[in-house]
Structures are given as C-alpha cells and as structure tokens.
Amino acid sequence: MTTQSSHASPILVTGAGGAVGSIGRNLTEMVLAKGRKVRALVRREDERAEALRQLGAEVMQGDLTDLTAMHRAIEGCASVYFGMSVSADYLTATVNTAAVARHHGVEAFVNMSQMTVTQMSITESTDSPQHKLHWLAEQALSWSGLPVVTMRPTVFLEGFFRLFAAPSVRDADELALPMGGGKTSPISAVDVARAVSVVLEDPTPHIGQVYNLTGFESADLEHYARVFSEALGRTIHYRDVPLSDWSEKLLGAGVPAHIVKHLSVMTELNKQGRYDRMTDDLFKLTGQKPISMYDFIKLHAAEFTRDGTAA
C-alpha cells in the first residue's frame, strides 16, 4: 500500500503544458481533486502553465533532456508520470528522466507509451521512427530496475479526429483523412488520464503491469462519418485522401518531418487493420466505459461547426 508519507509528497506530471499535453493537464486536475500535490513540469512559461498554477499545481519550467532540470523536478516527488509528445528526442528524454528518477528512489514511474509497441519485438518494428523510440524506451525502462507501470493507448480522439479532421468537417462537411478502410478504436486523452490517476493513487498493485487502452468501439471511418452526421445534425462524408497530399500539407504547415513520418505510418498501419483492437483494461482500472465518438463530438461540437457554435 502507498504510505502516508508518500501521499504527502508531490507527484511529478511531465508534459502538462504543451500543445498536445491534454493527458498531463487532465491528470493534474484529477490528482489535485483527490487531495494530492502535483508538481507539473512545463517546457515553457505561458498561459497553459499559468492555468496549471490556478488549479493548484506547483509549476516548474524545464526540459526533459536536461539533467539539472530533471533533478530539480523529481527530487522530493513520490511518483512520476512520464509523457512526451512525438519527438526525435523522445528516447533521450525517457532515459534521462528514468536515470534521475532511479537516483531519487521514486515509488512509481508511469510511462505513457503506444499500443503499437504491443505488436513489436526485437525482430519486428514499423517504419515510424517514433514507434522505434517507444519500443527502445520500454526496453531501457525494463532494464532500469525502476518500479514501472506502462500505459499503451491506441489512437487519440484529440489527434486525428479533432486536431486533423476538424477543419475539413467544419468547412467542407468531410471527414478527410488518409485512413483507408481499416478499423480503429480511438480513445480520449481524458479517459487515459483517468486510468493513470487510478494507478498513481496506489501504484503498488500496478508495478510491472502493461495496460492497453482502447476506446468505446472499433470501426472504420465510414462508420465514424455517420456518427459525426448524427452528432452534428448534418451529413458528413468520409473522404479517403491520398497520403502524399496529406503529408505534404502537414509539412507545408511546418510540422516536423519526424512527426509527419510517424503519422503517415500510423495511417498505413490503420489500413492494414493494426488499430482494430479492443480491450477492457480501461474499465478494469476505472470502472467506467470510455467516452464514445458521439459524445466526444457533442462535447467539441463548436470546433466542427462553421459559425463556431454547437449545432
């Protein structure tokens, strides 16, 4: 069981301030609501960092690849949630954080990985440089001797279905993505944060476990277009756009090549059925079913609507 003294120590939440740090931000709020202290590590001071302070978190600025910064961040913390957006520096950041966490004797290191790693091995990889980094990071953590808990979510609703799809849904009534006819089981970052908060509340029973987290259902994009139509009250069609055009558009918008390559491989894996996965790990951890695509769209309807207001 978690000791009373460790309950008095803060939990370090990394990746809480970034543009794609919705897991970290939601996790911070959930952990604080349970009466625990949170030290939130942000890469830069901005309005997102200030919002975390308003929630009651201790906010610290620093880079996950910086040794001195990680000593300042981890010292005195009971547990660490490690999450980082897609980056060529991902492996360096993981090992740097893990080495400092081991030095300070944390009681749990919750690592946010990716479900594709479940299908990888010493002889099986993918063409995504990020997938390889995640696999290597998990190897390093397993060698580290740290008390690790591994979370492997599938595709995020906030990514392909909100960030990338919203403009075409809003402006052209199209769910325009290069996903082919494959099925996928997208999950919300809020549900993933909820699962992590359960683990951090009492880490001991979870040490050494791997949790594969999937969403409400696994379906193809034609199905999800019909869900968009029902939720928004207007007809949304799925258009399977050419991957080359989609990738070039991302590169033209300034998205780093490392990220574009990773996302492109994800779309190819989706066409192969590699994201057609369903587990009940989320329900086992939280006792709650994941949010459905319909409810997610309703929640963010303004972003999918031309005048910016919900239908």
Protein backbone atom coordinates (compact mmCIF):
# COMPACT_ATOMS: atom_id res chain seq x y z
CA MET A 1 0.00 0.00 0.00
CA THR A 2 1.07 3.59 -0.54
CA THR A 3 2.40 5.07 2.68
CA GLN A 4 1.07 8.19 4.34
CA SER A 5 4.44 9.93 3.90
CA SER A 6 4.43 9.29 0.16
CA HIS A 7 0.90 10.68 -0.03
CA ALA A 8 2.29 13.93 1.39
CA SER A 9 4.89 14.10 -1.38
CA PRO A 10 4.03 15.58 -4.77
CA ILE A 11 3.51 13.59 -7.95
CA LEU A 12 5.53 14.84 -10.90
CA VAL A 13 3.47 15.24 -14.07
CA THR A 14 5.51 15.87 -17.21
CA GLY A 15 4.16 17.15 -20.50
CA ALA A 16 1.39 19.09 -18.78
CA GLY A 17 1.91 22.39 -20.55
CA GLY A 18 2.49 21.53 -24.18
CA ALA A 19 0.12 21.99 -27.09
CA VAL A 20 -0.65 18.25 -27.09
CA GLY A 21 -0.38 17.82 -23.34
CA SER A 22 -4.06 17.18 -22.68
CA ILE A 23 -3.30 13.97 -20.77
CA GLY A 24 -0.94 15.81 -18.45
CA ARG A 25 -3.33 18.71 -17.89
CA ASN A 26 -6.30 16.45 -17.21
CA LEU A 27 -4.19 14.23 -14.99
CA THR A 28 -3.01 17.24 -12.99
CA GLU A 29 -6.60 18.30 -12.35
CA MET A 30 -7.69 14.79 -11.39
CA VAL A 31 -4.81 14.19 -8.98
CA LEU A 32 -5.31 17.57 -7.32
CA ALA A 33 -9.03 16.80 -6.93
CA LYS A 34 -8.06 13.72 -4.93
CA GLY A 35 -6.16 15.89 -2.48
CA ARG A 36 -2.67 15.03 -3.72
CA LYS A 37 0.07 17.53 -4.50
CA VAL A 38 1.22 17.90 -8.11
CA ARG A 39 4.45 19.28 -9.49
CA ALA A 40 3.82 19.98 -13.16
CA LEU A 41 6.81 20.20 -15.47
CA VAL A 42 6.33 22.52 -18.45
CA ARG A 43 8.73 23.29 -21.25
CA ARG A 44 7.88 26.98 -21.36
CA GLU A 45 6.09 29.57 -19.29
CA ASP A 46 2.85 30.58 -20.99
CA GLU A 47 -0.89 30.75 -20.37
CA ARG A 48 -1.10 26.96 -20.08
CA ALA A 49 1.46 27.00 -17.28
CA GLU A 50 -0.47 29.72 -15.51
CA ALA A 51 -3.67 27.69 -15.84
CA LEU A 52 -1.95 24.81 -14.05
CA ARG A 53 -0.99 27.16 -11.21
CA GLN A 54 -4.60 28.30 -10.98
CA LEU A 55 -5.57 24.66 -10.48
CA GLY A 56 -3.20 24.48 -7.53
CA ALA A 57 -0.18 22.75 -9.05
CA GLU A 58 3.42 23.66 -8.35
CA VAL A 59 4.68 24.54 -11.83
CA MET A 60 8.31 24.11 -12.83
CA GLN A 61 9.85 25.02 -16.16
CA GLY A 62 12.40 22.63 -17.63
CA ASP A 63 13.42 20.33 -20.47
CA LEU A 64 13.12 16.55 -20.12
CA THR A 65 16.53 16.12 -21.75
CA ASP A 66 18.24 18.45 -19.26
CA LEU A 67 19.86 16.61 -16.35
CA THR A 68 19.86 19.53 -13.91
CA ALA A 69 16.26 20.41 -14.67
CA MET A 70 15.12 16.85 -14.03
CA HIS A 71 16.90 16.72 -10.68
CA ARG A 72 15.00 19.87 -9.66
CA ALA A 73 11.75 18.41 -10.93
CA ILE A 74 11.97 14.91 -9.45
CA GLU A 75 13.66 15.50 -6.09
CA GLY A 76 11.09 15.04 -3.33
CA CYS A 77 8.42 13.51 -5.57
CA ALA A 78 6.79 10.22 -4.68
CA SER A 79 5.90 9.18 -8.22
CA VAL A 80 6.50 10.26 -11.80
CA TYR A 81 4.12 10.34 -14.74
CA PHE A 82 6.26 10.44 -17.88
CA GLY A 83 4.55 11.61 -21.03
CA MET A 84 6.11 13.36 -24.00
CA SER A 85 4.75 14.37 -27.40
CA VAL A 86 6.17 12.89 -30.60
CA SER A 87 9.81 13.99 -30.81
CA ALA A 88 13.16 12.83 -32.14
CA ASP A 89 14.46 13.45 -28.59
CA TYR A 90 11.98 11.02 -27.03
CA LEU A 91 14.47 8.27 -26.12
CA THR A 92 17.00 10.72 -24.67
CA ALA A 93 14.26 12.31 -22.57
CA THR A 94 12.99 8.94 -21.31
CA VAL A 95 16.39 7.63 -20.25
CA ASN A 96 17.41 10.97 -18.73
CA THR A 97 14.21 11.15 -16.67
CA ALA A 98 14.42 7.48 -15.68
CA ALA A 99 18.03 7.78 -14.52
CA VAL A 100 17.20 10.73 -12.28
CA ALA A 101 14.03 9.04 -11.02
CA ARG A 102 16.02 5.98 -10.01
CA HIS A 103 18.60 8.16 -8.28
CA HIS A 104 15.87 9.76 -6.18
CA GLY A 105 14.12 6.46 -5.41
CA VAL A 106 10.61 7.15 -6.72
CA GLU A 107 7.94 4.62 -5.80
CA ALA A 108 6.38 4.51 -9.27
CA PHE A 109 7.27 5.54 -12.81
CA VAL A 110 4.18 5.59 -15.01
CA ASN A 111 5.28 5.56 -18.65
CA MET A 112 2.99 6.71 -21.45
CA SER A 113 3.82 4.54 -24.46
CA GLN A 114 1.85 3.48 -27.56
CA MET A 115 -0.23 0.39 -28.29
CA THR A 116 1.74 -0.37 -31.45
CA VAL A 117 4.62 -1.45 -29.18
CA THR A 118 2.46 -4.44 -28.20
CA GLN A 119 2.97 -5.75 -31.74
CA MET A 120 6.72 -5.04 -31.85
CA SER A 121 9.71 -7.15 -30.82
CA ILE A 122 13.45 -7.46 -31.28
CA THR A 123 12.72 -8.67 -34.84
CA GLU A 124 9.50 -6.77 -35.64
CA SER A 125 9.28 -2.98 -35.96
CA THR A 126 7.49 -0.38 -38.09
CA ASP A 127 8.71 2.36 -40.41
CA SER A 128 7.84 5.01 -37.82
CA PRO A 129 10.90 6.47 -36.10
CA GLN A 130 8.70 7.28 -33.10
CA HIS A 131 7.44 3.72 -32.71
CA LYS A 132 11.05 2.51 -32.63
CA LEU A 133 11.90 5.10 -29.95
CA HIS A 134 8.93 3.99 -27.84
CA TRP A 135 9.99 0.36 -28.13
CA LEU A 136 13.58 1.17 -27.19
CA ALA A 137 12.38 3.33 -24.28
CA GLU A 138 10.33 0.44 -22.91
CA GLN A 139 13.40 -1.81 -23.18
CA ALA A 140 15.52 0.71 -21.28
CA LEU A 141 12.88 1.10 -18.57
CA SER A 142 12.64 -2.66 -18.14
CA TRP A 143 16.42 -2.79 -17.61
CA SER A 144 16.42 0.18 -15.24
CA GLY A 145 15.10 -1.55 -12.15
CA LEU A 146 12.54 1.23 -11.70
CA PRO A 147 9.01 0.41 -10.48
CA VAL A 148 7.44 0.93 -13.92
CA VAL A 149 3.79 0.89 -14.98
CA THR A 150 3.28 1.03 -18.75
CA MET A 151 0.25 2.61 -20.41
CA ARG A 152 -0.24 1.85 -24.11
CA PRO A 153 -3.18 3.78 -25.56
CA THR A 154 -4.35 3.48 -29.14
CA VAL A 155 -5.06 6.45 -31.44
CA PHE A 156 -6.27 9.57 -29.62
CA LEU A 157 -9.60 11.20 -30.42
CA GLU A 158 -7.90 14.55 -29.87
CA GLY A 159 -5.41 13.87 -32.68
CA PHE A 160 -6.76 12.52 -35.95
CA PHE A 161 -10.42 13.13 -35.14
CA ARG A 162 -10.16 16.63 -33.65
CA LEU A 163 -6.90 18.37 -34.50
CA PHE A 164 -6.55 17.00 -38.04
CA ALA A 165 -10.18 16.40 -39.03
CA ALA A 166 -11.93 19.48 -37.59
CA PRO A 167 -11.10 21.89 -40.46
CA SER A 168 -12.47 19.61 -43.18
CA VAL A 169 -15.56 18.68 -41.15
CA ARG A 170 -16.22 22.34 -40.35
CA ASP A 171 -15.55 23.80 -43.79
CA ALA A 172 -16.43 21.00 -46.23
CA ASP A 173 -18.64 18.53 -44.31
CA GLU A 174 -15.95 15.92 -44.87
CA LEU A 175 -14.05 13.62 -42.57
CA ALA A 176 -10.95 13.88 -44.77
CA LEU A 177 -8.20 11.53 -43.58
CA PRO A 178 -5.86 9.04 -45.30
CA MET A 179 -7.05 6.09 -43.18
CA GLY A 180 -8.32 3.72 -45.88
CA GLY A 181 -10.95 1.20 -44.86
CA GLY A 182 -9.26 -0.02 -41.69
CA LYS A 183 -10.95 -0.01 -38.32
CA THR A 184 -9.66 1.88 -35.31
CA SER A 185 -10.66 2.26 -31.65
CA PRO A 186 -9.75 5.86 -30.74
CA ILE A 187 -9.62 6.87 -27.08
CA SER A 188 -9.90 10.22 -25.36
CA ALA A 189 -6.96 11.72 -23.51
CA VAL A 190 -9.37 12.32 -20.60
CA ASP A 191 -10.02 8.58 -20.28
CA VAL A 192 -6.29 7.85 -20.42
CA ALA A 193 -5.66 10.47 -17.72
CA ARG A 194 -8.37 8.88 -15.59
CA ALA A 195 -6.64 5.49 -15.85
CA VAL A 196 -3.27 7.00 -14.91
CA SER A 197 -4.80 8.81 -11.93
CA VAL A 198 -6.08 5.47 -10.60
CA VAL A 199 -2.61 3.95 -10.90
CA LEU A 200 -0.96 6.91 -9.16
CA GLU A 201 -3.45 6.80 -6.30
CA ASP A 202 -2.00 3.46 -5.20
CA PRO A 203 0.80 2.33 -7.54
CA THR A 204 1.95 -0.81 -5.76
CA PRO A 205 -0.55 -3.31 -7.27
CA HIS A 206 0.21 -2.00 -10.75
CA ILE A 207 4.01 -2.15 -10.76
CA GLY A 208 5.25 -4.21 -13.70
CA GLN A 209 1.87 -4.16 -15.46
CA VAL A 210 1.15 -3.10 -19.04
CA TYR A 211 -2.27 -1.61 -19.77
CA ASN A 212 -3.52 -1.47 -23.37
CA LEU A 213 -6.17 1.24 -23.55
CA THR A 214 -8.75 1.35 -26.33
CA GLY A 215 -11.84 3.45 -26.92
CA PHE A 216 -15.57 2.82 -26.98
CA GLU A 217 -15.65 0.80 -30.22
CA SER A 218 -13.55 -0.25 -33.18
CA ALA A 219 -14.96 0.85 -36.52
CA ASP A 220 -13.97 2.20 -39.92
CA LEU A 221 -14.09 5.84 -41.00
CA GLU A 222 -17.34 5.39 -42.93
CA HIS A 223 -18.97 4.47 -39.63
CA TYR A 224 -17.40 7.41 -37.81
CA ALA A 225 -18.59 9.78 -40.56
CA ARG A 226 -22.13 8.61 -39.83
CA VAL A 227 -21.53 9.26 -36.14
CA PHE A 228 -20.33 12.79 -36.98
CA SER A 229 -23.51 13.27 -39.03
CA GLU A 230 -25.74 12.14 -36.19
CA ALA A 231 -23.93 14.21 -33.57
CA LEU A 232 -23.74 17.40 -35.65
CA GLY A 233 -27.14 17.18 -37.30
CA ARG A 234 -25.81 17.46 -40.84
CA THR A 235 -24.37 14.99 -43.35
CA ILE A 236 -20.64 14.35 -43.04
CA HIS A 237 -18.94 12.17 -45.65
CA TYR A 238 -15.68 10.27 -45.23
CA ARG A 239 -13.10 11.04 -47.92
CA ASP A 240 -10.02 8.85 -48.00
CA VAL A 241 -7.48 11.46 -49.09
CA PRO A 242 -4.15 10.48 -50.72
CA LEU A 243 -1.46 10.08 -48.08
CA SER A 244 1.11 12.00 -50.14
CA ASP A 245 -1.14 15.06 -50.38
CA TRP A 246 -1.99 14.92 -46.67
CA SER A 247 1.66 14.55 -45.65
CA GLU A 248 2.77 17.41 -47.90
CA LYS A 249 0.10 19.63 -46.38
CA LEU A 250 1.38 18.89 -42.88
CA LEU A 251 4.98 19.57 -43.90
CA GLY A 252 3.87 22.81 -45.55
CA ALA A 253 2.22 23.84 -42.30
CA GLY A 254 5.54 23.48 -40.51
CA VAL A 255 5.00 20.10 -38.85
CA PRO A 256 8.44 18.48 -38.31
CA ALA A 257 9.35 15.63 -40.68
CA HIS A 258 9.78 13.22 -37.73
CA ILE A 259 6.14 13.76 -36.72
CA VAL A 260 4.81 13.60 -40.28
CA LYS A 261 6.61 10.29 -40.90
CA HIS A 262 5.15 8.88 -37.69
CA LEU A 263 1.61 9.98 -38.53
CA SER A 264 1.95 8.67 -42.08
CA VAL A 265 3.00 5.24 -40.83
CA MET A 266 0.04 5.25 -38.44
CA THR A 267 -2.35 5.76 -41.35
CA GLU A 268 -0.72 2.87 -43.25
CA LEU A 269 -0.98 0.61 -40.20
CA ASN A 270 -4.63 1.59 -39.87
CA LYS A 271 -5.25 0.45 -43.46
CA GLN A 272 -3.68 -2.89 -42.51
CA GLY A 273 -6.06 -3.32 -39.56
CA ARG A 274 -3.35 -2.86 -36.94
CA TYR A 275 -5.52 -0.49 -34.88
CA ASP A 276 -8.55 -2.80 -34.90
CA ARG A 277 -8.05 -3.60 -31.23
CA MET A 278 -10.38 -3.74 -28.23
CA THR A 279 -9.53 -4.36 -24.58
CA ASP A 280 -11.32 -3.84 -21.28
CA ASP A 281 -8.22 -2.53 -19.47
CA LEU A 282 -9.70 0.95 -19.06
CA PHE A 283 -12.88 -0.41 -17.49
CA LYS A 284 -10.89 -2.71 -15.19
CA LEU A 285 -8.85 0.26 -13.96
CA THR A 286 -11.54 2.92 -13.68
CA GLY A 287 -14.87 1.09 -13.55
CA GLN A 288 -16.06 3.37 -16.36
CA LYS A 289 -16.54 2.85 -20.08
CA PRO A 290 -14.56 5.12 -22.43
CA ILE A 291 -16.27 8.13 -23.98
CA SER A 292 -17.90 7.34 -27.31
CA MET A 293 -17.16 9.12 -30.57
CA TYR A 294 -20.70 10.54 -30.50
CA ASP A 295 -20.29 12.05 -27.03
CA PHE A 296 -16.81 13.34 -27.90
CA ILE A 297 -18.13 15.14 -30.99
CA LYS A 298 -21.01 16.59 -29.00
CA LEU A 299 -18.56 17.84 -26.38
CA HIS A 300 -16.47 19.62 -29.03
CA ALA A 301 -19.27 20.42 -31.50
CA ALA A 302 -18.30 24.10 -31.79
CA GLU A 303 -14.96 23.13 -33.34
CA PHE A 304 -16.72 21.12 -36.03
CA THR A 305 -19.29 23.81 -36.85
CA ARG A 306 -18.80 26.69 -39.30
CA ASP A 307 -20.02 29.53 -37.11
CA GLY A 308 -18.15 28.12 -34.10
CA THR A 309 -21.28 27.26 -32.17
CA ALA A 310 -22.70 23.86 -31.44
CA ALA A 311 -25.44 22.56 -33.67
